[in-house]
Amino acid sequence: MALSFLTLSHLTPNDADLDQCRQPLVCPLNQVREGTSVRIKQLMAPPEVTHRLREMGFCEEQKIKLISQNSSIICQVCNVRLGISSQLAEKILVQPIYPARAA
């Protein structure tokens, strides 16, 4: 399954190269491949749900790792494995964490 990324801002045709994007690319958590580390960028659920997600550790800028993606999504959050539904994971926008480039 390929990742389909959304952008946080409108890109012009000259911005096609990832290195030239004005904003990092994001996608819903339920579209991330198993084993991928990501950073949470935005919670798109209703306020009462986002409050509970933050209580569980799913906060903006938090690094998480997708462990398993079957009937539910299992993530490692702060050294704890947590499960959420695929429908809820769709409301969590994340940015892949790429390895640092050599200077």
PDB file of N, CA and C in Angstrom:
ATOM      1  N   MET A   1       0.847  -1.169   0.000  1.00  0.00           N
ATOM      2  CA  MET A   1       0.000   0.000   0.000  1.00  0.00           C
ATOM      3  C   MET A   1       0.891   1.230   0.000  1.00  0.00           C
ATOM      4  N   ALA A   2       0.694   2.118  -0.928  1.00  0.00           N
ATOM      5  CA  ALA A   2       1.490   3.335  -1.033  1.00  0.00           C
ATOM      6  C   ALA A   2       0.930   4.394  -0.099  1.00  0.00           C
ATOM      7  N   LEU A   3       1.806   5.226   0.426  1.00  0.00           N
ATOM      8  CA  LEU A   3       1.373   6.331   1.262  1.00  0.00           C
ATOM      9  C   LEU A   3       0.834   7.438   0.378  1.00  0.00           C
ATOM     10  N   SER A   4      -0.287   7.993   0.760  1.00  0.00           N
ATOM     11  CA  SER A   4      -0.778   9.166   0.046  1.00  0.00           C
ATOM     12  C   SER A   4      -0.632  10.344   0.993  1.00  0.00           C
ATOM     13  N   PHE A   5       0.186  11.297   0.615  1.00  0.00           N
ATOM     14  CA  PHE A   5       0.499  12.414   1.486  1.00  0.00           C
ATOM     15  C   PHE A   5      -0.370  13.614   1.184  1.00  0.00           C
ATOM     16  N   LEU A   6      -0.663  14.377   2.202  1.00  0.00           N
ATOM     17  CA  LEU A   6      -1.355  15.647   2.092  1.00  0.00           C
ATOM     18  C   LEU A   6      -0.345  16.726   2.438  1.00  0.00           C
ATOM     19  N   THR A   7      -0.548  17.920   1.972  1.00  0.00           N
ATOM     20  CA  THR A   7       0.331  19.011   2.372  1.00  0.00           C
ATOM     21  C   THR A   7      -0.430  19.956   3.272  1.00  0.00           C
ATOM     22  N   LEU A   8       0.302  20.619   4.154  1.00  0.00           N
ATOM     23  CA  LEU A   8      -0.319  21.574   5.051  1.00  0.00           C
ATOM     24  C   LEU A   8      -0.517  22.929   4.386  1.00  0.00           C
ATOM     25  N   SER A   9       0.081  23.119   3.231  1.00  0.00           N
ATOM     26  CA  SER A   9      -0.104  24.364   2.484  1.00  0.00           C
ATOM     27  C   SER A   9      -0.114  24.047   0.996  1.00  0.00           C
ATOM     28  N   HIS A  10      -0.587  24.980   0.191  1.00  0.00           N
ATOM     29  CA  HIS A  10      -0.643  24.801  -1.256  1.00  0.00           C
ATOM     30  C   HIS A  10       0.761  24.873  -1.838  1.00  0.00           C
ATOM     31  N   LEU A  11       1.096  23.947  -2.729  1.00  0.00           N
ATOM     32  CA  LEU A  11       2.407  23.937  -3.364  1.00  0.00           C
ATOM     33  C   LEU A  11       2.282  24.403  -4.801  1.00  0.00           C
ATOM     34  N   THR A  12       3.285  25.120  -5.276  1.00  0.00           N
ATOM     35  CA  THR A  12       3.324  25.544  -6.667  1.00  0.00           C
ATOM     36  C   THR A  12       4.008  24.461  -7.477  1.00  0.00           C
ATOM     37  N   PRO A  13       3.886  24.459  -8.819  1.00  0.00           N
ATOM     38  CA  PRO A  13       4.516  23.424  -9.645  1.00  0.00           C
ATOM     39  C   PRO A  13       6.023  23.309  -9.438  1.00  0.00           C
ATOM     40  N   ASN A  14       6.700  24.391  -9.098  1.00  0.00           N
ATOM     41  CA  ASN A  14       8.145  24.343  -8.876  1.00  0.00           C
ATOM     42  C   ASN A  14       8.519  23.655  -7.573  1.00  0.00           C
ATOM     43  N   ASP A  15       7.538  23.355  -6.731  1.00  0.00           N
ATOM     44  CA  ASP A  15       7.809  22.758  -5.431  1.00  0.00           C
ATOM     45  C   ASP A  15       7.650  21.244  -5.438  1.00  0.00           C
ATOM     46  N   ALA A  16       7.689  20.621  -6.599  1.00  0.00           N
ATOM     47  CA  ALA A  16       7.457  19.178  -6.694  1.00  0.00           C
ATOM     48  C   ALA A  16       8.509  18.382  -5.946  1.00  0.00           C
ATOM     49  N   ASP A  17       9.727  18.849  -5.903  1.00  0.00           N
ATOM     50  CA  ASP A  17      10.791  18.149  -5.199  1.00  0.00           C
ATOM     51  C   ASP A  17      10.558  18.269  -3.693  1.00  0.00           C
ATOM     52  N   LEU A  18      10.650  17.149  -2.958  1.00  0.00           N
ATOM     53  CA  LEU A  18      10.414  17.156  -1.518  1.00  0.00           C
ATOM     54  C   LEU A  18      11.293  18.151  -0.785  1.00  0.00           C
ATOM     55  N   ASP A  19      12.536  18.345  -1.246  1.00  0.00           N
ATOM     56  CA  ASP A  19      13.446  19.255  -0.568  1.00  0.00           C
ATOM     57  C   ASP A  19      12.990  20.702  -0.671  1.00  0.00           C
ATOM     58  N   GLN A  20      12.115  21.018  -1.600  1.00  0.00           N
ATOM     59  CA  GLN A  20      11.690  22.397  -1.804  1.00  0.00           C
ATOM     60  C   GLN A  20      10.314  22.683  -1.219  1.00  0.00           C
ATOM     61  N   CYS A  21       9.687  21.709  -0.570  1.00  0.00           N
ATOM     62  CA  CYS A  21       8.354  21.928  -0.010  1.00  0.00           C
ATOM     63  C   CYS A  21       8.415  22.964   1.105  1.00  0.00           C
ATOM     64  N   ARG A  22       7.406  23.814   1.131  1.00  0.00           N
ATOM     65  CA  ARG A  22       7.341  24.834   2.178  1.00  0.00           C
ATOM     66  C   ARG A  22       6.938  24.219   3.516  1.00  0.00           C
ATOM     67  N   GLN A  23       6.106  23.213   3.494  1.00  0.00           N
ATOM     68  CA  GLN A  23       5.657  22.531   4.706  1.00  0.00           C
ATOM     69  C   GLN A  23       5.960  21.040   4.572  1.00  0.00           C
ATOM     70  N   PRO A  24       6.216  20.370   5.691  1.00  0.00           N
ATOM     71  CA  PRO A  24       6.435  18.919   5.629  1.00  0.00           C
ATOM     72  C   PRO A  24       5.181  18.207   5.122  1.00  0.00           C
ATOM     73  N   LEU A  25       5.362  17.063   4.508  1.00  0.00           N
ATOM     74  CA  LEU A  25       4.240  16.263   4.028  1.00  0.00           C
ATOM     75  C   LEU A  25       3.668  15.449   5.175  1.00  0.00           C
ATOM     76  N   VAL A  26       2.369  15.273   5.174  1.00  0.00           N
ATOM     77  CA  VAL A  26       1.698  14.507   6.216  1.00  0.00           C
ATOM     78  C   VAL A  26       0.724  13.524   5.583  1.00  0.00           C
ATOM     79  N   CYS A  27       0.383  12.473   6.330  1.00  0.00           N
ATOM     80  CA  CYS A  27      -0.627  11.514   5.896  1.00  0.00           C
ATOM     81  C   CYS A  27      -1.337  10.988   7.133  1.00  0.00           C
ATOM     82  N   PRO A  28      -2.511  10.381   6.977  1.00  0.00           N
ATOM     83  CA  PRO A  28      -3.200   9.784   8.121  1.00  0.00           C
ATOM     84  C   PRO A  28      -2.408   8.593   8.669  1.00  0.00           C
ATOM     85  N   LEU A  29      -2.455   8.405   9.967  1.00  0.00           N
ATOM     86  CA  LEU A  29      -1.720   7.321  10.621  1.00  0.00           C
ATOM     87  C   LEU A  29      -2.118   5.953  10.080  1.00  0.00           C
ATOM     88  N   ASN A  30      -3.372   5.764   9.683  1.00  0.00           N
ATOM     89  CA  ASN A  30      -3.804   4.453   9.201  1.00  0.00           C
ATOM     90  C   ASN A  30      -3.233   4.105   7.828  1.00  0.00           C
ATOM     91  N   GLN A  31      -2.499   5.026   7.186  1.00  0.00           N
ATOM     92  CA  GLN A  31      -1.876   4.743   5.894  1.00  0.00           C
ATOM     93  C   GLN A  31      -0.373   4.510   6.004  1.00  0.00           C
ATOM     94  N   VAL A  32       0.145   4.516   7.212  1.00  0.00           N
ATOM     95  CA  VAL A  32       1.580   4.321   7.433  1.00  0.00           C
ATOM     96  C   VAL A  32       1.890   2.828   7.455  1.00  0.00           C
ATOM     97  N   ARG A  33       3.029   2.455   6.910  1.00  0.00           N
ATOM     98  CA  ARG A  33       3.449   1.048   6.910  1.00  0.00           C
ATOM     99  C   ARG A  33       3.943   0.626   8.293  1.00  0.00           C
ATOM    100  N   GLU A  34       3.758  -0.661   8.597  1.00  0.00           N
ATOM    101  CA  GLU A  34       4.256  -1.215   9.858  1.00  0.00           C
ATOM    102  C   GLU A  34       5.754  -0.979   9.977  1.00  0.00           C
ATOM    103  N   GLY A  35       6.195  -0.640  11.189  1.00  0.00           N
ATOM    104  CA  GLY A  35       7.612  -0.419  11.439  1.00  0.00           C
ATOM    105  C   GLY A  35       8.077   1.002  11.192  1.00  0.00           C
ATOM    106  N   THR A  36       7.182   1.867  10.691  1.00  0.00           N
ATOM    107  CA  THR A  36       7.556   3.241  10.371  1.00  0.00           C
ATOM    108  C   THR A  36       7.447   4.138  11.600  1.00  0.00           C
ATOM    109  N   SER A  37       8.470   4.954  11.820  1.00  0.00           N
ATOM    110  CA  SER A  37       8.432   5.970  12.876  1.00  0.00           C
ATOM    111  C   SER A  37       7.927   7.271  12.275  1.00  0.00           C
ATOM    112  N   VAL A  38       7.034   7.924  12.998  1.00  0.00           N
ATOM    113  CA  VAL A  38       6.421   9.160  12.521  1.00  0.00           C
ATOM    114  C   VAL A  38       6.318  10.162  13.667  1.00  0.00           C
ATOM    115  N   ARG A  39       6.035  11.398  13.304  1.00  0.00           N
ATOM    116  CA  ARG A  39       5.778  12.456  14.289  1.00  0.00           C
ATOM    117  C   ARG A  39       4.342  12.932  14.068  1.00  0.00           C
ATOM    118  N   ILE A  40       3.571  13.008  15.141  1.00  0.00           N
ATOM    119  CA  ILE A  40       2.191  13.479  15.048  1.00  0.00           C
ATOM    120  C   ILE A  40       2.201  14.977  14.760  1.00  0.00           C
ATOM    121  N   LYS A  41       1.463  15.374  13.719  1.00  0.00           N
ATOM    122  CA  LYS A  41       1.410  16.783  13.335  1.00  0.00           C
ATOM    123  C   LYS A  41       0.072  17.438  13.679  1.00  0.00           C
ATOM    124  N   GLN A  42      -1.028  16.683  13.572  1.00  0.00           N
ATOM    125  CA  GLN A  42      -2.332  17.290  13.830  1.00  0.00           C
ATOM    126  C   GLN A  42      -3.349  16.217  14.185  1.00  0.00           C
ATOM    127  N   LEU A  43      -4.213  16.517  15.159  1.00  0.00           N
ATOM    128  CA  LEU A  43      -5.322  15.644  15.529  1.00  0.00           C
ATOM    129  C   LEU A  43      -6.592  16.253  14.946  1.00  0.00           C
ATOM    130  N   MET A  44      -7.299  15.472  14.130  1.00  0.00           N
ATOM    131  CA  MET A  44      -8.466  15.976  13.399  1.00  0.00           C
ATOM    132  C   MET A  44      -9.797  15.470  13.973  1.00  0.00           C
ATOM    133  N   ALA A  45      -9.788  14.874  15.147  1.00  0.00           N
ATOM    134  CA  ALA A  45     -10.988  14.311  15.763  1.00  0.00           C
ATOM    135  C   ALA A  45     -11.743  15.399  16.542  1.00  0.00           C
ATOM    136  N   PRO A  46     -12.967  15.099  16.985  1.00  0.00           N
ATOM    137  CA  PRO A  46     -13.712  16.050  17.820  1.00  0.00           C
ATOM    138  C   PRO A  46     -12.936  16.371  19.106  1.00  0.00           C
ATOM    139  N   PRO A  47     -13.207  17.534  19.725  1.00  0.00           N
ATOM    140  CA  PRO A  47     -12.435  17.973  20.897  1.00  0.00           C
ATOM    141  C   PRO A  47     -12.354  16.957  22.036  1.00  0.00           C
ATOM    142  N   GLU A  48     -13.453  16.280  22.347  1.00  0.00           N
ATOM    143  CA  GLU A  48     -13.417  15.317  23.457  1.00  0.00           C
ATOM    144  C   GLU A  48     -12.525  14.119  23.123  1.00  0.00           C
ATOM    145  N   VAL A  49     -12.462  13.757  21.852  1.00  0.00           N
ATOM    146  CA  VAL A  49     -11.608  12.642  21.425  1.00  0.00           C
ATOM    147  C   VAL A  49     -10.145  13.076  21.407  1.00  0.00           C
ATOM    148  N   THR A  50      -9.867  14.278  20.900  1.00  0.00           N
ATOM    149  CA  THR A  50      -8.474  14.746  20.884  1.00  0.00           C
ATOM    150  C   THR A  50      -7.948  14.907  22.307  1.00  0.00           C
ATOM    151  N   HIS A  51      -8.814  15.320  23.231  1.00  0.00           N
ATOM    152  CA  HIS A  51      -8.401  15.428  24.638  1.00  0.00           C
ATOM    153  C   HIS A  51      -7.969  14.063  25.171  1.00  0.00           C
ATOM    154  N   ARG A  52      -8.758  13.038  24.885  1.00  0.00           N
ATOM    155  CA  ARG A  52      -8.427  11.677  25.349  1.00  0.00           C
ATOM    156  C   ARG A  52      -7.167  11.158  24.664  1.00  0.00           C
ATOM    157  N   LEU A  53      -7.008  11.420  23.373  1.00  0.00           N
ATOM    158  CA  LEU A  53      -5.792  11.001  22.670  1.00  0.00           C
ATOM    159  C   LEU A  53      -4.554  11.624  23.311  1.00  0.00           C
ATOM    160  N   ARG A  54      -4.643  12.913  23.647  1.00  0.00           N
ATOM    161  CA  ARG A  54      -3.505  13.581  24.296  1.00  0.00           C
ATOM    162  C   ARG A  54      -3.215  12.970  25.660  1.00  0.00           C
ATOM    163  N   GLU A  55      -4.260  12.598  26.405  1.00  0.00           N
ATOM    164  CA  GLU A  55      -4.062  11.933  27.696  1.00  0.00           C
ATOM    165  C   GLU A  55      -3.321  10.610  27.529  1.00  0.00           C
ATOM    166  N   MET A  56      -3.565   9.923  26.407  1.00  0.00           N
ATOM    167  CA  MET A  56      -2.918   8.634  26.131  1.00  0.00           C
ATOM    168  C   MET A  56      -1.498   8.794  25.588  1.00  0.00           C
ATOM    169  N   GLY A  57      -1.104  10.027  25.230  1.00  0.00           N
ATOM    170  CA  GLY A  57       0.240  10.259  24.710  1.00  0.00           C
ATOM    171  C   GLY A  57       0.296  10.604  23.237  1.00  0.00           C
ATOM    172  N   PHE A  58      -0.861  10.590  22.562  1.00  0.00           N
ATOM    173  CA  PHE A  58      -0.915  10.957  21.142  1.00  0.00           C
ATOM    174  C   PHE A  58      -1.011  12.484  21.035  1.00  0.00           C
ATOM    175  N   CYS A  59       0.099  13.167  21.298  1.00  0.00           N
ATOM    176  CA  CYS A  59       0.151  14.633  21.287  1.00  0.00           C
ATOM    177  C   CYS A  59       0.847  15.125  20.031  1.00  0.00           C
ATOM    178  N   GLU A  60       0.551  16.359  19.638  1.00  0.00           N
ATOM    179  CA  GLU A  60       1.245  16.971  18.518  1.00  0.00           C
ATOM    180  C   GLU A  60       2.744  16.999  18.809  1.00  0.00           C
ATOM    181  N   GLU A  61       3.533  16.694  17.801  1.00  0.00           N
ATOM    182  CA  GLU A  61       5.000  16.637  17.834  1.00  0.00           C
ATOM    183  C   GLU A  61       5.549  15.396  18.545  1.00  0.00           C
ATOM    184  N   GLN A  62       4.684  14.513  19.046  1.00  0.00           N
ATOM    185  CA  GLN A  62       5.136  13.272  19.688  1.00  0.00           C
ATOM    186  C   GLN A  62       5.625  12.293  18.628  1.00  0.00           C
ATOM    187  N   LYS A  63       6.758  11.664  18.882  1.00  0.00           N
ATOM    188  CA  LYS A  63       7.258  10.610  17.994  1.00  0.00           C
ATOM    189  C   LYS A  63       6.597   9.304  18.393  1.00  0.00           C
ATOM    190  N   ILE A  64       6.085   8.563  17.391  1.00  0.00           N
ATOM    191  CA  ILE A  64       5.490   7.253  17.634  1.00  0.00           C
ATOM    192  C   ILE A  64       5.958   6.297  16.543  1.00  0.00           C
ATOM    193  N   LYS A  65       5.778   5.004  16.793  1.00  0.00           N
ATOM    194  CA  LYS A  65       6.133   3.987  15.801  1.00  0.00           C
ATOM    195  C   LYS A  65       4.933   3.078  15.597  1.00  0.00           C
ATOM    196  N   LEU A  66       4.556   2.847  14.336  1.00  0.00           N
ATOM    197  CA  LEU A  66       3.454   1.949  14.031  1.00  0.00           C
ATOM    198  C   LEU A  66       3.974   0.516  14.107  1.00  0.00           C
ATOM    199  N   ILE A  67       3.437  -0.268  15.013  1.00  0.00           N
ATOM    200  CA  ILE A  67       3.896  -1.644  15.250  1.00  0.00           C
ATOM    201  C   ILE A  67       3.123  -2.640  14.395  1.00  0.00           C
ATOM    202  N   SER A  68       1.792  -2.526  14.401  1.00  0.00           N
ATOM    203  CA  SER A  68       0.951  -3.497  13.705  1.00  0.00           C
ATOM    204  C   SER A  68      -0.281  -2.798  13.144  1.00  0.00           C
ATOM    205  N   GLN A  69      -0.760  -3.314  12.014  1.00  0.00           N
ATOM    206  CA  GLN A  69      -1.925  -2.723  11.366  1.00  0.00           C
ATOM    207  C   GLN A  69      -2.820  -3.849  10.860  1.00  0.00           C
ATOM    208  N   ASN A  70      -3.673  -4.353  11.735  1.00  0.00           N
ATOM    209  CA  ASN A  70      -4.626  -5.397  11.366  1.00  0.00           C
ATOM    210  C   ASN A  70      -6.034  -4.845  11.551  1.00  0.00           C
ATOM    211  N   SER A  71      -6.827  -5.451  12.430  1.00  0.00           N
ATOM    212  CA  SER A  71      -8.164  -4.917  12.687  1.00  0.00           C
ATOM    213  C   SER A  71      -8.090  -3.623  13.488  1.00  0.00           C
ATOM    214  N   SER A  72      -6.990  -3.441  14.222  1.00  0.00           N
ATOM    215  CA  SER A  72      -6.736  -2.181  14.915  1.00  0.00           C
ATOM    216  C   SER A  72      -5.290  -1.769  14.656  1.00  0.00           C
ATOM    217  N   ILE A  73      -4.974  -0.540  15.012  1.00  0.00           N
ATOM    218  CA  ILE A  73      -3.635   0.007  14.815  1.00  0.00           C
ATOM    219  C   ILE A  73      -2.913  -0.043  16.159  1.00  0.00           C
ATOM    220  N   ILE A  74      -1.764  -0.706  16.198  1.00  0.00           N
ATOM    221  CA  ILE A  74      -0.958  -0.770  17.417  1.00  0.00           C
ATOM    222  C   ILE A  74       0.251   0.135  17.221  1.00  0.00           C
ATOM    223  N   CYS A  75       0.421   1.085  18.145  1.00  0.00           N
ATOM    224  CA  CYS A  75       1.537   2.031  18.072  1.00  0.00           C
ATOM    225  C   CYS A  75       2.349   1.976  19.352  1.00  0.00           C
ATOM    226  N   GLN A  76       3.630   2.249  19.216  1.00  0.00           N
ATOM    227  CA  GLN A  76       4.478   2.430  20.386  1.00  0.00           C
ATOM    228  C   GLN A  76       4.540   3.923  20.656  1.00  0.00           C
ATOM    229  N   VAL A  77       4.034   4.308  21.823  1.00  0.00           N
ATOM    230  CA  VAL A  77       3.993   5.706  22.241  1.00  0.00           C
ATOM    231  C   VAL A  77       4.676   5.796  23.596  1.00  0.00           C
ATOM    232  N   CYS A  78       5.791   6.498  23.680  1.00  0.00           N
ATOM    233  CA  CYS A  78       6.518   6.650  24.952  1.00  0.00           C
ATOM    234  C   CYS A  78       6.806   5.288  25.591  1.00  0.00           C
ATOM    235  N   ASN A  79       7.320   4.343  24.822  1.00  0.00           N
ATOM    236  CA  ASN A  79       7.693   3.000  25.288  1.00  0.00           C
ATOM    237  C   ASN A  79       6.512   2.160  25.764  1.00  0.00           C
ATOM    238  N   VAL A  80       5.292   2.519  25.374  1.00  0.00           N
ATOM    239  CA  VAL A  80       4.087   1.754  25.698  1.00  0.00           C
ATOM    240  C   VAL A  80       3.363   1.460  24.391  1.00  0.00           C
ATOM    241  N   ARG A  81       2.845   0.245  24.251  1.00  0.00           N
ATOM    242  CA  ARG A  81       2.064  -0.104  23.060  1.00  0.00           C
ATOM    243  C   ARG A  81       0.596   0.191  23.320  1.00  0.00           C
ATOM    244  N   LEU A  82       0.006   0.974  22.406  1.00  0.00           N
ATOM    245  CA  LEU A  82      -1.398   1.353  22.517  1.00  0.00           C
ATOM    246  C   LEU A  82      -2.127   0.980  21.238  1.00  0.00           C
ATOM    247  N   GLY A  83      -3.367   0.533  21.369  1.00  0.00           N
ATOM    248  CA  GLY A  83      -4.176   0.180  20.211  1.00  0.00           C
ATOM    249  C   GLY A  83      -5.318   1.160  20.016  1.00  0.00           C
ATOM    250  N   ILE A  84      -5.540   1.557  18.762  1.00  0.00           N
ATOM    251  CA  ILE A  84      -6.674   2.411  18.409  1.00  0.00           C
ATOM    252  C   ILE A  84      -7.304   1.855  17.132  1.00  0.00           C
ATOM    253  N   SER A  85      -8.528   2.251  16.857  1.00  0.00           N
ATOM    254  CA  SER A  85      -9.202   1.779  15.645  1.00  0.00           C
ATOM    255  C   SER A  85      -8.598   2.443  14.414  1.00  0.00           C
ATOM    256  N   SER A  86      -8.764   1.790  13.287  1.00  0.00           N
ATOM    257  CA  SER A  86      -8.295   2.355  12.026  1.00  0.00           C
ATOM    258  C   SER A  86      -9.034   3.658  11.714  1.00  0.00           C
ATOM    259  N   GLN A  87     -10.322   3.721  12.091  1.00  0.00           N
ATOM    260  CA  GLN A  87     -11.106   4.933  11.855  1.00  0.00           C
ATOM    261  C   GLN A  87     -10.555   6.106  12.667  1.00  0.00           C
ATOM    262  N   LEU A  88     -10.128   5.849  13.900  1.00  0.00           N
ATOM    263  CA  LEU A  88      -9.544   6.909  14.719  1.00  0.00           C
ATOM    264  C   LEU A  88      -8.155   7.279  14.199  1.00  0.00           C
ATOM    265  N   ALA A  89      -7.384   6.284  13.779  1.00  0.00           N
ATOM    266  CA  ALA A  89      -6.045   6.545  13.239  1.00  0.00           C
ATOM    267  C   ALA A  89      -6.111   7.425  11.997  1.00  0.00           C
ATOM    268  N   GLU A  90      -7.220   7.350  11.270  1.00  0.00           N
ATOM    269  CA  GLU A  90      -7.404   8.188  10.082  1.00  0.00           C
ATOM    270  C   GLU A  90      -7.482   9.672  10.449  1.00  0.00           C
ATOM    271  N   LYS A  91      -7.840   9.970  11.692  1.00  0.00           N
ATOM    272  CA  LYS A  91      -7.977  11.356  12.161  1.00  0.00           C
ATOM    273  C   LYS A  91      -6.676  11.916  12.730  1.00  0.00           C
ATOM    274  N   ILE A  92      -5.603  11.115  12.709  1.00  0.00           N
ATOM    275  CA  ILE A  92      -4.305  11.548  13.233  1.00  0.00           C
ATOM    276  C   ILE A  92      -3.360  11.738  12.057  1.00  0.00           C
ATOM    277  N   LEU A  93      -2.996  12.981  11.779  1.00  0.00           N
ATOM    278  CA  LEU A  93      -2.081  13.267  10.677  1.00  0.00           C
ATOM    279  C   LEU A  93      -0.649  13.220  11.185  1.00  0.00           C
ATOM    280  N   VAL A  94       0.188  12.486  10.458  1.00  0.00           N
ATOM    281  CA  VAL A  94       1.570  12.270  10.884  1.00  0.00           C
ATOM    282  C   VAL A  94       2.542  12.602   9.762  1.00  0.00           C
ATOM    283  N   GLN A  95       3.771  12.840  10.156  1.00  0.00           N
ATOM    284  CA  GLN A  95       4.868  13.113   9.219  1.00  0.00           C
ATOM    285  C   GLN A  95       5.919  12.026   9.411  1.00  0.00           C
ATOM    286  N   PRO A  96       6.331  11.352   8.348  1.00  0.00           N
ATOM    287  CA  PRO A  96       7.401  10.351   8.480  1.00  0.00           C
ATOM    288  C   PRO A  96       8.680  10.998   9.003  1.00  0.00           C
ATOM    289  N   ILE A  97       9.408  10.255   9.810  1.00  0.00           N
ATOM    290  CA  ILE A  97      10.696  10.728  10.316  1.00  0.00           C
ATOM    291  C   ILE A  97      11.763  10.116   9.431  1.00  0.00           C
ATOM    292  N   TYR A  98      12.423  10.959   8.671  1.00  0.00           N
ATOM    293  CA  TYR A  98      13.470  10.503   7.759  1.00  0.00           C
ATOM    294  C   TYR A  98      14.815  10.554   8.463  1.00  0.00           C
ATOM    295  N   PRO A  99      15.732   9.628   8.118  1.00  0.00           N
ATOM    296  CA  PRO A  99      17.075   9.683   8.702  1.00  0.00           C
ATOM    297  C   PRO A  99      17.744  11.007   8.352  1.00  0.00           C
ATOM    298  N   ALA A 100      18.594  11.484   9.257  1.00  0.00           N
ATOM    299  CA  ALA A 100      19.318  12.736   9.010  1.00  0.00           C
ATOM    300  C   ALA A 100      20.254  12.564   7.827  1.00  0.00           C
ATOM    301  N   ARG A 101      20.345  13.595   7.010  1.00  0.00           N
ATOM    302  CA  ARG A 101      21.235  13.563   5.847  1.00  0.00           C
ATOM    303  C   ARG A 101      22.651  13.920   6.268  1.00  0.00           C
ATOM    304  N   ALA A 102      23.603  13.298   5.597  1.00  0.00           N
ATOM    305  CA  ALA A 102      25.008  13.616   5.861  1.00  0.00           C
ATOM    306  C   ALA A 102      25.313  14.997   5.298  1.00  0.00           C
ATOM    307  N   ALA A 103      26.109  15.755   6.032  1.00  0.00           N
ATOM    308  CA  ALA A 103      26.435  17.125   5.596  1.00  0.00           C
ATOM    309  C   ALA A 103      27.478  17.136   4.519  1.00  0.00           C
TER     310      ALA A 103
END
